[in-house]
Amino acid sequence: MFNETKTHEITVDTVILTIKNNALQVLLIKREKEPFIGKWAIPGGYVRMSENLEQAAVRILKEKTDVDNVYLEQLYTFGDPLRHPDSRVITCVYFALVRYEDVKVMDSDDVAWYPVDKLPALAFDHKEIIDYTRARTRLSLRSCPVAYQLLKEKFTLTEMQRVYELIMGKELDKRNFRKKVLGTEGLIELDEFTKASSKRPARLYQYKQLHTGDMKSFFIANKEGK
């Protein structure tokens, strides 16, 4: 069935998640060529001989979406022999949680945000990749407050709970949630409150600077002025 003498090819794909219109959304692009021409997909492409995986992820994300100032983390490698209809392609997936207002996306009908719960028909195994990314993010919430990457610098506990609910895909008990998160390492209670005139002011919180430790991750430097 397979030509065992043919070498495989390597690609990188990136899953960019944000909160938009009160929904967890993913950045997709419309494919311009076969296979799956006209289908939506996560941004991805082949790794050049002269670049490593991280460099390829940076380049492809910039080329296809104009996004170049986000923190990416290597997630997982997908290597099902049948994931690509024409050749043997292994893909290394990177992902990022970003604040919607912090990213500038290419102005094009072929680049768009889609709710992860209402995805269009996707190319390749990209639905599986998005589902896996969300599942891993859910697991991360148990040990690390990754949701802070989707929040403003200063936020209320209600806003924080909503982000958790969108990632988890279910409503959470307010009392239990607050009891757990108030003990989270790095969460700082501020002597500041919201200024909403129609509601009772709510206390604001923020996270102290978190460090990635030895995770295989990197930061795409802001290229403004370069």
N, C-alpha and C. Protein backbone atom coordinates (compact mmCIF):
# COMPACT_ATOMS: atom_id res chain seq x y z
N MET A 1 0.81 -1.21 0.00
CA MET A 1 0.00 0.00 0.00
C MET A 1 0.85 1.26 0.00
N PHE A 2 1.98 1.22 0.71
CA PHE A 2 2.84 2.38 0.83
C PHE A 2 4.18 2.13 0.13
N ASN A 3 4.75 3.19 -0.41
CA ASN A 3 6.08 3.14 -0.98
C ASN A 3 7.07 3.40 0.15
N GLU A 4 7.68 2.33 0.69
CA GLU A 4 8.53 2.47 1.87
C GLU A 4 9.84 3.19 1.59
N THR A 5 10.19 3.39 0.32
CA THR A 5 11.45 4.07 0.01
C THR A 5 11.29 5.58 -0.06
N LYS A 6 10.06 6.07 -0.07
CA LYS A 6 9.85 7.51 -0.16
C LYS A 6 10.01 8.17 1.19
N THR A 7 10.75 9.26 1.24
CA THR A 7 10.93 9.97 2.50
C THR A 7 9.70 10.80 2.81
N HIS A 8 9.53 11.11 4.09
CA HIS A 8 8.40 11.91 4.51
C HIS A 8 8.71 13.40 4.36
N GLU A 9 7.67 14.21 4.48
CA GLU A 9 7.82 15.65 4.44
C GLU A 9 7.35 16.23 5.77
N ILE A 10 7.89 17.39 6.13
CA ILE A 10 7.61 18.01 7.42
C ILE A 10 6.91 19.35 7.21
N THR A 11 5.81 19.55 7.95
CA THR A 11 5.14 20.85 7.96
C THR A 11 5.00 21.32 9.40
N VAL A 12 4.65 22.59 9.55
CA VAL A 12 4.25 23.12 10.85
C VAL A 12 2.86 23.74 10.69
N ASP A 13 2.04 23.59 11.71
CA ASP A 13 0.72 24.20 11.75
C ASP A 13 0.59 24.98 13.05
N THR A 14 -0.20 26.05 13.03
CA THR A 14 -0.37 26.86 14.22
C THR A 14 -1.85 27.03 14.56
N VAL A 15 -2.17 26.78 15.82
CA VAL A 15 -3.53 26.98 16.32
C VAL A 15 -3.52 28.22 17.21
N ILE A 16 -4.19 29.28 16.76
CA ILE A 16 -4.25 30.53 17.50
C ILE A 16 -5.66 30.67 18.07
N LEU A 17 -5.77 30.69 19.39
CA LEU A 17 -7.06 30.79 20.06
C LEU A 17 -7.23 32.14 20.72
N THR A 18 -8.45 32.67 20.70
CA THR A 18 -8.76 33.93 21.35
C THR A 18 -10.20 33.91 21.84
N ILE A 19 -10.57 34.96 22.57
CA ILE A 19 -11.96 35.16 22.97
C ILE A 19 -12.51 36.32 22.15
N LYS A 20 -13.54 36.05 21.38
CA LYS A 20 -14.18 37.07 20.55
C LYS A 20 -15.68 36.84 20.56
N ASN A 21 -16.44 37.94 20.76
CA ASN A 21 -17.91 37.84 20.79
C ASN A 21 -18.39 36.77 21.77
N ASN A 22 -17.76 36.76 22.94
CA ASN A 22 -18.13 35.84 24.02
C ASN A 22 -18.05 34.38 23.59
N ALA A 23 -17.05 34.07 22.77
CA ALA A 23 -16.84 32.69 22.31
C ALA A 23 -15.35 32.43 22.15
N LEU A 24 -14.94 31.18 22.37
CA LEU A 24 -13.57 30.78 22.11
C LEU A 24 -13.44 30.57 20.60
N GLN A 25 -12.52 31.30 19.96
CA GLN A 25 -12.43 31.25 18.51
C GLN A 25 -11.00 30.90 18.07
N VAL A 26 -10.90 30.37 16.86
CA VAL A 26 -9.62 29.95 16.29
C VAL A 26 -9.40 30.66 14.96
N LEU A 27 -8.17 30.98 14.66
CA LEU A 27 -7.83 31.68 13.42
C LEU A 27 -7.66 30.66 12.29
N LEU A 28 -8.42 30.86 11.20
CA LEU A 28 -8.38 29.96 10.05
C LEU A 28 -8.07 30.71 8.77
N ILE A 29 -7.55 29.97 7.79
CA ILE A 29 -7.31 30.52 6.46
C ILE A 29 -7.98 29.62 5.43
N LYS A 30 -8.35 30.21 4.29
CA LYS A 30 -8.97 29.43 3.23
C LYS A 30 -7.88 28.98 2.26
N ARG A 31 -7.85 27.68 1.98
CA ARG A 31 -6.80 27.13 1.12
C ARG A 31 -6.97 27.58 -0.32
N GLU A 32 -5.84 27.95 -0.94
CA GLU A 32 -5.85 28.46 -2.30
C GLU A 32 -5.47 27.42 -3.34
N LYS A 33 -5.10 26.21 -2.89
CA LYS A 33 -4.70 25.18 -3.84
C LYS A 33 -5.07 23.80 -3.30
N GLU A 34 -5.01 22.84 -4.19
CA GLU A 34 -5.29 21.46 -3.80
C GLU A 34 -4.12 20.90 -2.97
N PRO A 35 -4.40 19.92 -2.12
CA PRO A 35 -5.72 19.34 -1.87
C PRO A 35 -6.58 20.25 -0.98
N PHE A 36 -7.88 20.02 -1.01
CA PHE A 36 -8.84 20.76 -0.21
C PHE A 36 -8.92 22.24 -0.58
N ILE A 37 -8.77 22.56 -1.85
CA ILE A 37 -8.88 23.95 -2.27
C ILE A 37 -10.25 24.51 -1.88
N GLY A 38 -10.26 25.72 -1.34
CA GLY A 38 -11.49 26.36 -0.91
C GLY A 38 -11.94 25.99 0.48
N LYS A 39 -11.31 24.98 1.10
CA LYS A 39 -11.64 24.59 2.46
C LYS A 39 -10.88 25.47 3.46
N TRP A 40 -11.43 25.58 4.65
CA TRP A 40 -10.75 26.31 5.71
C TRP A 40 -9.75 25.41 6.42
N ALA A 41 -8.68 26.02 6.94
CA ALA A 41 -7.62 25.25 7.60
C ALA A 41 -6.90 26.15 8.59
N ILE A 42 -6.18 25.54 9.52
CA ILE A 42 -5.31 26.33 10.39
C ILE A 42 -4.07 26.71 9.58
N PRO A 43 -3.44 27.84 9.88
CA PRO A 43 -2.27 28.26 9.11
C PRO A 43 -1.14 27.24 9.21
N GLY A 44 -0.58 26.87 8.08
CA GLY A 44 0.50 25.90 8.08
C GLY A 44 1.22 25.87 6.76
N GLY A 45 2.35 25.18 6.74
CA GLY A 45 3.13 25.07 5.52
C GLY A 45 4.36 24.22 5.72
N TYR A 46 5.11 24.02 4.65
CA TYR A 46 6.29 23.17 4.69
C TYR A 46 7.49 23.88 5.31
N VAL A 47 8.31 23.10 6.00
CA VAL A 47 9.53 23.60 6.62
C VAL A 47 10.64 23.63 5.57
N ARG A 48 11.29 24.75 5.45
CA ARG A 48 12.40 24.88 4.51
C ARG A 48 13.65 24.18 5.03
N MET A 49 14.53 23.80 4.12
CA MET A 49 15.76 23.11 4.50
C MET A 49 16.64 23.97 5.39
N SER A 50 16.53 25.29 5.25
CA SER A 50 17.43 26.20 5.96
C SER A 50 16.89 26.67 7.31
N GLU A 51 15.71 26.20 7.75
CA GLU A 51 15.13 26.71 8.98
C GLU A 51 14.73 25.58 9.93
N ASN A 52 14.71 25.92 11.21
CA ASN A 52 14.22 24.95 12.18
C ASN A 52 12.71 25.10 12.32
N LEU A 53 12.11 24.28 13.16
CA LEU A 53 10.66 24.28 13.27
C LEU A 53 10.11 25.61 13.77
N GLU A 54 10.77 26.20 14.78
CA GLU A 54 10.31 27.47 15.32
C GLU A 54 10.35 28.58 14.26
N GLN A 55 11.42 28.61 13.50
CA GLN A 55 11.54 29.63 12.45
C GLN A 55 10.48 29.44 11.38
N ALA A 56 10.17 28.21 11.06
CA ALA A 56 9.14 27.94 10.06
C ALA A 56 7.78 28.40 10.57
N ALA A 57 7.49 28.15 11.85
CA ALA A 57 6.21 28.56 12.43
C ALA A 57 6.06 30.07 12.39
N VAL A 58 7.12 30.78 12.71
CA VAL A 58 7.11 32.24 12.67
C VAL A 58 6.84 32.73 11.26
N ARG A 59 7.59 32.22 10.32
CA ARG A 59 7.48 32.68 8.93
C ARG A 59 6.10 32.40 8.34
N ILE A 60 5.61 31.19 8.51
CA ILE A 60 4.34 30.81 7.90
C ILE A 60 3.17 31.58 8.51
N LEU A 61 3.19 31.75 9.82
CA LEU A 61 2.11 32.50 10.46
C LEU A 61 2.08 33.93 9.96
N LYS A 62 3.25 34.53 9.81
CA LYS A 62 3.33 35.90 9.31
C LYS A 62 2.88 35.98 7.85
N GLU A 63 3.35 35.07 7.02
CA GLU A 63 3.02 35.11 5.60
C GLU A 63 1.53 34.93 5.34
N LYS A 64 0.89 34.06 6.11
CA LYS A 64 -0.49 33.70 5.80
C LYS A 64 -1.55 34.46 6.57
N THR A 65 -1.16 35.08 7.69
CA THR A 65 -2.16 35.81 8.49
C THR A 65 -1.73 37.21 8.89
N ASP A 66 -0.45 37.55 8.69
CA ASP A 66 0.15 38.82 9.10
C ASP A 66 0.33 38.92 10.61
N VAL A 67 0.13 37.83 11.33
CA VAL A 67 0.33 37.81 12.77
C VAL A 67 1.80 37.51 13.07
N ASP A 68 2.45 38.40 13.83
CA ASP A 68 3.88 38.17 14.08
C ASP A 68 4.31 38.60 15.47
N ASN A 69 3.39 38.75 16.40
CA ASN A 69 3.78 39.19 17.73
C ASN A 69 3.01 38.41 18.80
N VAL A 70 3.10 37.09 18.72
CA VAL A 70 2.43 36.25 19.70
C VAL A 70 3.41 35.23 20.27
N TYR A 71 3.06 34.74 21.44
CA TYR A 71 3.87 33.73 22.12
C TYR A 71 3.37 32.34 21.70
N LEU A 72 4.24 31.56 21.08
CA LEU A 72 3.86 30.23 20.59
C LEU A 72 4.53 29.14 21.42
N GLU A 73 3.81 28.05 21.60
CA GLU A 73 4.36 26.90 22.31
C GLU A 73 4.18 25.65 21.46
N GLN A 74 5.21 24.84 21.42
CA GLN A 74 5.11 23.59 20.67
C GLN A 74 4.15 22.65 21.39
N LEU A 75 3.19 22.11 20.65
CA LEU A 75 2.11 21.34 21.26
C LEU A 75 2.28 19.84 21.08
N TYR A 76 2.29 19.38 19.81
CA TYR A 76 2.24 17.95 19.54
C TYR A 76 2.61 17.71 18.08
N THR A 77 3.00 16.49 17.77
CA THR A 77 3.31 16.11 16.39
C THR A 77 2.27 15.10 15.91
N PHE A 78 1.66 15.39 14.77
CA PHE A 78 0.66 14.52 14.18
C PHE A 78 1.27 13.81 12.97
N GLY A 79 1.21 12.47 12.98
CA GLY A 79 1.90 11.73 11.94
C GLY A 79 1.14 10.56 11.35
N ASP A 80 -0.18 10.60 11.39
CA ASP A 80 -0.96 9.53 10.77
C ASP A 80 -0.56 9.42 9.29
N PRO A 81 -0.21 8.22 8.81
CA PRO A 81 0.22 8.07 7.41
C PRO A 81 -0.82 8.54 6.39
N LEU A 82 -2.08 8.58 6.79
CA LEU A 82 -3.15 8.95 5.85
C LEU A 82 -3.68 10.35 6.08
N ARG A 83 -3.00 11.17 6.89
CA ARG A 83 -3.52 12.50 7.19
C ARG A 83 -3.46 13.44 5.98
N HIS A 84 -2.58 13.15 5.04
CA HIS A 84 -2.48 13.93 3.80
C HIS A 84 -2.81 13.00 2.64
N PRO A 85 -3.70 13.41 1.73
CA PRO A 85 -4.15 12.49 0.67
C PRO A 85 -3.13 12.21 -0.42
N ASP A 86 -2.09 13.05 -0.53
CA ASP A 86 -1.17 12.92 -1.66
C ASP A 86 0.23 12.46 -1.30
N SER A 87 0.63 12.60 -0.06
CA SER A 87 2.00 12.25 0.32
C SER A 87 2.08 11.97 1.81
N ARG A 88 3.25 11.54 2.25
CA ARG A 88 3.48 11.24 3.67
C ARG A 88 3.95 12.51 4.35
N VAL A 89 3.07 13.16 5.12
CA VAL A 89 3.38 14.45 5.73
C VAL A 89 3.20 14.37 7.24
N ILE A 90 4.25 14.71 7.95
CA ILE A 90 4.22 14.81 9.40
C ILE A 90 4.18 16.29 9.77
N THR A 91 3.28 16.68 10.67
CA THR A 91 3.21 18.09 11.04
C THR A 91 3.45 18.29 12.52
N CYS A 92 4.22 19.31 12.84
CA CYS A 92 4.48 19.72 14.21
C CYS A 92 3.59 20.93 14.49
N VAL A 93 2.75 20.82 15.51
CA VAL A 93 1.77 21.86 15.79
C VAL A 93 2.24 22.78 16.92
N TYR A 94 2.08 24.08 16.68
CA TYR A 94 2.31 25.10 17.70
C TYR A 94 0.98 25.75 18.01
N PHE A 95 0.86 26.31 19.21
CA PHE A 95 -0.38 27.00 19.54
C PHE A 95 -0.12 28.23 20.39
N ALA A 96 -1.11 29.12 20.43
CA ALA A 96 -1.02 30.34 21.23
C ALA A 96 -2.39 30.73 21.71
N LEU A 97 -2.44 31.25 22.93
CA LEU A 97 -3.64 31.89 23.46
C LEU A 97 -3.36 33.38 23.43
N VAL A 98 -4.20 34.15 22.76
CA VAL A 98 -3.93 35.57 22.57
C VAL A 98 -5.16 36.40 22.90
N ARG A 99 -4.92 37.63 23.33
CA ARG A 99 -6.00 38.59 23.50
C ARG A 99 -6.38 39.11 22.12
N TYR A 100 -7.65 39.12 21.84
CA TYR A 100 -8.12 39.52 20.51
C TYR A 100 -7.61 40.91 20.13
N GLU A 101 -7.62 41.83 21.08
CA GLU A 101 -7.21 43.21 20.77
C GLU A 101 -5.71 43.35 20.58
N ASP A 102 -4.96 42.31 20.91
CA ASP A 102 -3.50 42.39 20.81
C ASP A 102 -2.95 41.91 19.47
N VAL A 103 -3.79 41.31 18.64
CA VAL A 103 -3.29 40.76 17.38
C VAL A 103 -3.91 41.48 16.19
N LYS A 104 -3.08 41.76 15.23
CA LYS A 104 -3.52 42.36 13.98
C LYS A 104 -3.52 41.28 12.91
N VAL A 105 -4.69 40.97 12.39
CA VAL A 105 -4.84 39.91 11.41
C VAL A 105 -4.98 40.50 10.01
N MET A 106 -4.44 39.81 9.04
CA MET A 106 -4.50 40.24 7.65
C MET A 106 -5.94 40.57 7.24
N ASP A 107 -6.12 41.69 6.57
CA ASP A 107 -7.44 42.09 6.09
C ASP A 107 -7.73 41.37 4.78
N SER A 108 -8.37 40.22 4.89
CA SER A 108 -8.64 39.39 3.73
C SER A 108 -9.84 38.49 3.99
N ASP A 109 -10.61 38.22 2.95
CA ASP A 109 -11.74 37.30 3.08
C ASP A 109 -11.29 35.86 3.29
N ASP A 110 -10.00 35.62 3.07
CA ASP A 110 -9.45 34.27 3.22
C ASP A 110 -8.81 34.04 4.57
N VAL A 111 -8.93 35.00 5.49
CA VAL A 111 -8.42 34.87 6.86
C VAL A 111 -9.55 35.28 7.81
N ALA A 112 -9.92 34.42 8.74
CA ALA A 112 -11.06 34.73 9.59
C ALA A 112 -11.01 33.96 10.91
N TRP A 113 -11.69 34.53 11.91
CA TRP A 113 -11.87 33.85 13.20
C TRP A 113 -13.16 33.03 13.15
N TYR A 114 -13.13 31.81 13.70
CA TYR A 114 -14.31 30.97 13.77
C TYR A 114 -14.45 30.40 15.18
N PRO A 115 -15.67 30.38 15.74
CA PRO A 115 -15.88 29.73 17.04
C PRO A 115 -15.51 28.26 16.96
N VAL A 116 -14.80 27.77 17.95
CA VAL A 116 -14.37 26.37 17.93
C VAL A 116 -15.55 25.41 18.03
N ASP A 117 -16.69 25.90 18.52
CA ASP A 117 -17.87 25.07 18.61
C ASP A 117 -18.74 25.14 17.35
N LYS A 118 -18.36 25.99 16.39
CA LYS A 118 -19.12 26.13 15.15
C LYS A 118 -18.17 26.23 13.96
N LEU A 119 -17.33 25.24 13.82
CA LEU A 119 -16.31 25.26 12.77
C LEU A 119 -16.90 24.87 11.42
N PRO A 120 -16.37 25.45 10.34
CA PRO A 120 -16.76 25.00 9.01
C PRO A 120 -16.08 23.67 8.70
N ALA A 121 -16.38 23.09 7.55
CA ALA A 121 -15.66 21.87 7.14
C ALA A 121 -14.19 22.22 6.95
N LEU A 122 -13.32 21.44 7.60
CA LEU A 122 -11.89 21.76 7.60
C LEU A 122 -11.08 20.78 6.75
N ALA A 123 -9.93 21.26 6.29
CA ALA A 123 -9.02 20.43 5.51
C ALA A 123 -8.23 19.49 6.42
N PHE A 124 -7.73 18.42 5.81
CA PHE A 124 -6.85 17.47 6.50
C PHE A 124 -7.47 16.99 7.81
N ASP A 125 -6.64 16.89 8.86
CA ASP A 125 -7.10 16.48 10.19
C ASP A 125 -7.18 17.68 11.13
N HIS A 126 -7.44 18.86 10.58
CA HIS A 126 -7.35 20.08 11.37
C HIS A 126 -8.43 20.19 12.44
N LYS A 127 -9.58 19.55 12.23
CA LYS A 127 -10.58 19.51 13.30
C LYS A 127 -10.03 18.73 14.49
N GLU A 128 -9.37 17.63 14.23
CA GLU A 128 -8.77 16.83 15.30
C GLU A 128 -7.68 17.63 16.02
N ILE A 129 -6.90 18.39 15.26
CA ILE A 129 -5.83 19.20 15.86
C ILE A 129 -6.41 20.28 16.76
N ILE A 130 -7.47 20.96 16.32
CA ILE A 130 -8.10 21.99 17.14
C ILE A 130 -8.71 21.39 18.40
N ASP A 131 -9.37 20.25 18.26
CA ASP A 131 -9.96 19.58 19.42
C ASP A 131 -8.87 19.19 20.42
N TYR A 132 -7.75 18.70 19.91
CA TYR A 132 -6.65 18.29 20.78
C TYR A 132 -6.08 19.50 21.51
N THR A 133 -5.95 20.62 20.80
CA THR A 133 -5.43 21.84 21.41
C THR A 133 -6.31 22.31 22.55
N ARG A 134 -7.62 22.28 22.32
CA ARG A 134 -8.54 22.70 23.38
C ARG A 134 -8.46 21.75 24.57
N ALA A 135 -8.37 20.45 24.30
CA ALA A 135 -8.27 19.47 25.38
C ALA A 135 -7.01 19.69 26.21
N ARG A 136 -5.90 19.94 25.55
CA ARG A 136 -4.64 20.19 26.26
C ARG A 136 -4.72 21.47 27.07
N THR A 137 -5.39 22.49 26.53
CA THR A 137 -5.55 23.74 27.26
C THR A 137 -6.39 23.52 28.51
N ARG A 138 -7.43 22.70 28.39
CA ARG A 138 -8.25 22.38 29.55
C ARG A 138 -7.41 21.70 30.64
N LEU A 139 -6.57 20.77 30.25
CA LEU A 139 -5.72 20.09 31.21
C LEU A 139 -4.74 21.05 31.86
N SER A 140 -4.24 22.01 31.08
CA SER A 140 -3.27 22.98 31.60
C SER A 140 -3.88 23.84 32.70
N LEU A 141 -5.17 24.08 32.63
CA LEU A 141 -5.83 24.92 33.63
C LEU A 141 -5.72 24.34 35.03
N ARG A 142 -5.50 23.03 35.13
CA ARG A 142 -5.41 22.38 36.44
C ARG A 142 -4.11 22.71 37.16
N SER A 143 -3.07 23.03 36.39
CA SER A 143 -1.76 23.24 37.01
C SER A 143 -1.17 24.61 36.76
N CYS A 144 -1.68 25.33 35.76
CA CYS A 144 -1.12 26.63 35.41
C CYS A 144 -2.23 27.54 34.91
N PRO A 145 -2.26 28.79 35.35
CA PRO A 145 -3.34 29.71 34.96
C PRO A 145 -3.17 30.24 33.53
N VAL A 146 -3.17 29.34 32.55
CA VAL A 146 -2.94 29.76 31.17
C VAL A 146 -4.01 30.71 30.66
N ALA A 147 -5.17 30.72 31.32
CA ALA A 147 -6.27 31.58 30.86
C ALA A 147 -5.90 33.05 30.95
N TYR A 148 -4.89 33.39 31.76
CA TYR A 148 -4.50 34.80 31.89
C TYR A 148 -4.08 35.38 30.54
N GLN A 149 -3.64 34.52 29.63
CA GLN A 149 -3.21 35.00 28.32
C GLN A 149 -4.37 35.52 27.48
N LEU A 150 -5.60 35.18 27.86
CA LEU A 150 -6.78 35.63 27.15
C LEU A 150 -7.46 36.81 27.83
N LEU A 151 -6.95 37.21 29.00
CA LEU A 151 -7.54 38.29 29.77
C LEU A 151 -6.78 39.59 29.58
N LYS A 152 -7.44 40.68 29.89
CA LYS A 152 -6.76 41.97 29.91
C LYS A 152 -5.77 41.98 31.06
N GLU A 153 -4.88 42.94 31.09
CA GLU A 153 -3.86 42.99 32.14
C GLU A 153 -4.51 43.04 33.51
N LYS A 154 -5.61 43.78 33.63
CA LYS A 154 -6.38 43.85 34.87
C LYS A 154 -7.79 43.34 34.57
N PHE A 155 -8.31 42.48 35.43
CA PHE A 155 -9.57 41.81 35.14
C PHE A 155 -10.33 41.52 36.42
N THR A 156 -11.61 41.24 36.29
CA THR A 156 -12.43 40.84 37.43
C THR A 156 -12.48 39.32 37.49
N LEU A 157 -12.89 38.79 38.63
CA LEU A 157 -13.03 37.34 38.75
C LEU A 157 -14.16 36.81 37.87
N THR A 158 -15.17 37.64 37.63
CA THR A 158 -16.24 37.24 36.73
C THR A 158 -15.72 37.07 35.31
N GLU A 159 -14.87 37.98 34.87
CA GLU A 159 -14.27 37.87 33.54
C GLU A 159 -13.37 36.64 33.45
N MET A 160 -12.64 36.39 34.52
CA MET A 160 -11.77 35.22 34.54
C MET A 160 -12.58 33.93 34.49
N GLN A 161 -13.67 33.88 35.24
CA GLN A 161 -14.51 32.69 35.24
C GLN A 161 -15.09 32.44 33.85
N ARG A 162 -15.48 33.50 33.16
CA ARG A 162 -16.05 33.32 31.82
C ARG A 162 -15.04 32.72 30.86
N VAL A 163 -13.79 33.13 30.95
CA VAL A 163 -12.75 32.56 30.10
C VAL A 163 -12.59 31.06 30.40
N TYR A 164 -12.57 30.72 31.67
CA TYR A 164 -12.48 29.31 32.05
C TYR A 164 -13.66 28.53 31.49
N GLU A 165 -14.85 29.08 31.56
CA GLU A 165 -16.05 28.39 31.08
C GLU A 165 -16.00 28.17 29.57
N LEU A 166 -15.48 29.16 28.84
CA LEU A 166 -15.39 29.01 27.39
C LEU A 166 -14.37 27.95 27.00
N ILE A 167 -13.29 27.86 27.74
CA ILE A 167 -12.29 26.82 27.47
C ILE A 167 -12.84 25.44 27.86
N MET A 168 -13.48 25.37 29.01
CA MET A 168 -13.99 24.09 29.51
C MET A 168 -15.25 23.64 28.77
N GLY A 169 -15.97 24.61 28.20
CA GLY A 169 -17.20 24.26 27.49
C GLY A 169 -18.37 23.97 28.41
N LYS A 170 -18.36 24.55 29.61
CA LYS A 170 -19.47 24.34 30.55
C LYS A 170 -19.46 25.47 31.58
N GLU A 171 -20.61 25.65 32.23
CA GLU A 171 -20.71 26.65 33.28
C GLU A 171 -20.09 26.13 34.56
N LEU A 172 -19.50 27.05 35.34
CA LEU A 172 -18.85 26.67 36.60
C LEU A 172 -19.55 27.34 37.77
N ASP A 173 -19.55 26.66 38.89
CA ASP A 173 -20.15 27.22 40.10
C ASP A 173 -19.31 28.40 40.58
N LYS A 174 -19.96 29.54 40.76
CA LYS A 174 -19.26 30.77 41.10
C LYS A 174 -18.48 30.66 42.40
N ARG A 175 -19.11 30.12 43.43
CA ARG A 175 -18.44 30.05 44.74
C ARG A 175 -17.23 29.13 44.70
N ASN A 176 -17.39 27.95 44.13
CA ASN A 176 -16.27 27.00 44.06
C ASN A 176 -15.14 27.53 43.20
N PHE A 177 -15.50 28.20 42.09
CA PHE A 177 -14.48 28.74 41.21
C PHE A 177 -13.63 29.77 41.94
N ARG A 178 -14.28 30.69 42.61
CA ARG A 178 -13.54 31.75 43.29
C ARG A 178 -12.69 31.21 44.43
N LYS A 179 -13.18 30.20 45.11
CA LYS A 179 -12.41 29.59 46.19
C LYS A 179 -11.11 29.00 45.66
N LYS A 180 -11.19 28.37 44.50
CA LYS A 180 -10.01 27.74 43.92
C LYS A 180 -9.03 28.76 43.35
N VAL A 181 -9.52 29.71 42.56
CA VAL A 181 -8.61 30.63 41.87
C VAL A 181 -7.97 31.63 42.82
N LEU A 182 -8.64 31.96 43.93
CA LEU A 182 -8.04 32.92 44.86
C LEU A 182 -6.79 32.36 45.52
N GLY A 183 -6.63 31.05 45.45
CA GLY A 183 -5.42 30.43 45.98
C GLY A 183 -4.37 30.16 44.92
N THR A 184 -4.62 30.65 43.71
CA THR A 184 -3.70 30.41 42.60
C THR A 184 -2.42 31.22 42.77
N GLU A 185 -1.29 30.56 42.62
CA GLU A 185 -0.01 31.25 42.72
C GLU A 185 0.12 32.29 41.60
N GLY A 186 0.50 33.49 41.99
CA GLY A 186 0.71 34.54 41.01
C GLY A 186 -0.45 35.49 40.84
N LEU A 187 -1.63 35.14 41.38
CA LEU A 187 -2.79 36.03 41.27
C LEU A 187 -2.68 37.14 42.30
N ILE A 188 -2.76 38.38 41.86
CA ILE A 188 -2.59 39.54 42.73
C ILE A 188 -3.91 40.30 42.85
N GLU A 189 -4.35 40.51 44.07
CA GLU A 189 -5.55 41.31 44.32
C GLU A 189 -5.15 42.78 44.37
N LEU A 190 -5.78 43.59 43.53
CA LEU A 190 -5.45 45.00 43.43
C LEU A 190 -6.38 45.85 44.28
N ASP A 191 -5.89 47.00 44.68
CA ASP A 191 -6.73 47.97 45.38
C ASP A 191 -7.40 48.88 44.35
N GLU A 192 -7.97 48.24 43.33
CA GLU A 192 -8.63 48.95 42.24
C GLU A 192 -9.95 48.25 41.92
N PHE A 193 -10.88 49.04 41.38
CA PHE A 193 -12.20 48.50 41.07
C PHE A 193 -12.66 48.98 39.69
N THR A 194 -13.62 48.25 39.12
CA THR A 194 -14.19 48.68 37.85
C THR A 194 -14.94 50.00 38.05
N LYS A 195 -15.13 50.69 36.94
CA LYS A 195 -15.79 51.99 37.01
C LYS A 195 -17.15 51.99 36.32
N ALA A 196 -17.72 50.80 36.13
CA ALA A 196 -19.03 50.71 35.47
C ALA A 196 -20.08 51.42 36.31
N SER A 197 -20.82 52.32 35.69
CA SER A 197 -21.80 53.14 36.41
C SER A 197 -23.09 52.39 36.71
N SER A 198 -23.42 51.38 35.89
CA SER A 198 -24.69 50.68 36.05
C SER A 198 -24.61 49.48 36.98
N LYS A 199 -23.41 49.11 37.41
CA LYS A 199 -23.25 47.95 38.26
C LYS A 199 -22.38 48.30 39.47
N ARG A 200 -22.47 47.44 40.47
CA ARG A 200 -21.61 47.61 41.63
C ARG A 200 -20.16 47.39 41.22
N PRO A 201 -19.27 48.30 41.57
CA PRO A 201 -17.86 48.14 41.18
C PRO A 201 -17.30 46.80 41.65
N ALA A 202 -16.53 46.17 40.79
CA ALA A 202 -15.93 44.87 41.10
C ALA A 202 -14.43 45.03 41.26
N ARG A 203 -13.85 44.28 42.17
CA ARG A 203 -12.41 44.36 42.40
C ARG A 203 -11.65 43.83 41.18
N LEU A 204 -10.51 44.44 40.92
CA LEU A 204 -9.66 44.02 39.81
C LEU A 204 -8.50 43.18 40.31
N TYR A 205 -8.05 42.28 39.45
CA TYR A 205 -6.92 41.40 39.73
C TYR A 205 -5.97 41.41 38.55
N GLN A 206 -4.77 40.91 38.77
CA GLN A 206 -3.82 40.68 37.68
C GLN A 206 -2.86 39.58 38.09
N TYR A 207 -2.15 39.06 37.10
CA TYR A 207 -1.14 38.04 37.38
C TYR A 207 0.24 38.67 37.35
N LYS A 208 1.07 38.25 38.27
CA LYS A 208 2.45 38.68 38.21
C LYS A 208 3.12 38.02 37.02
N GLN A 209 4.27 38.53 36.62
CA GLN A 209 4.96 37.98 35.46
C GLN A 209 5.24 36.51 35.65
N LEU A 210 4.74 35.70 34.70
CA LEU A 210 4.98 34.26 34.77
C LEU A 210 6.15 33.88 33.88
N HIS A 211 6.86 32.85 34.26
CA HIS A 211 8.02 32.40 33.50
C HIS A 211 7.74 31.03 32.89
N THR A 212 8.29 30.80 31.74
CA THR A 212 8.02 29.55 31.03
C THR A 212 8.90 28.40 31.49
N GLY A 213 9.93 28.69 32.27
CA GLY A 213 10.81 27.62 32.73
C GLY A 213 11.51 26.98 31.55
N ASP A 214 11.50 25.65 31.51
CA ASP A 214 12.22 24.96 30.44
C ASP A 214 11.28 24.46 29.34
N MET A 215 10.07 25.03 29.23
CA MET A 215 9.17 24.62 28.17
C MET A 215 9.76 24.94 26.81
N LYS A 216 9.51 24.08 25.85
CA LYS A 216 9.97 24.31 24.49
C LYS A 216 9.05 25.33 23.83
N SER A 217 9.35 26.58 24.04
CA SER A 217 8.49 27.63 23.53
C SER A 217 9.37 28.81 23.16
N PHE A 218 8.77 29.80 22.55
CA PHE A 218 9.54 30.97 22.15
C PHE A 218 8.62 32.15 21.96
N PHE A 219 9.21 33.32 21.90
CA PHE A 219 8.44 34.54 21.71
C PHE A 219 8.83 35.17 20.39
N ILE A 220 7.82 35.51 19.61
CA ILE A 220 8.07 36.20 18.36
C ILE A 220 8.18 37.67 18.66
N ALA A 221 9.37 38.22 18.52
CA ALA A 221 9.61 39.61 18.92
C ALA A 221 8.80 40.58 18.08
N ASN A 222 8.38 41.64 18.73
CA ASN A 222 7.67 42.70 18.02
C ASN A 222 8.62 43.34 17.03
N LYS A 223 8.23 43.34 15.77
CA LYS A 223 9.12 43.81 14.71
C LYS A 223 8.87 45.27 14.32
N GLU A 224 8.07 45.97 15.11
CA GLU A 224 7.81 47.37 14.78
C GLU A 224 9.10 48.17 14.82
N GLY A 225 9.29 48.96 13.82
CA GLY A 225 10.47 49.82 13.75
C GLY A 225 11.68 49.14 13.18
N LYS A 226 11.53 47.86 12.80
CA LYS A 226 12.69 47.14 12.24
C LYS A 226 12.62 47.16 10.72
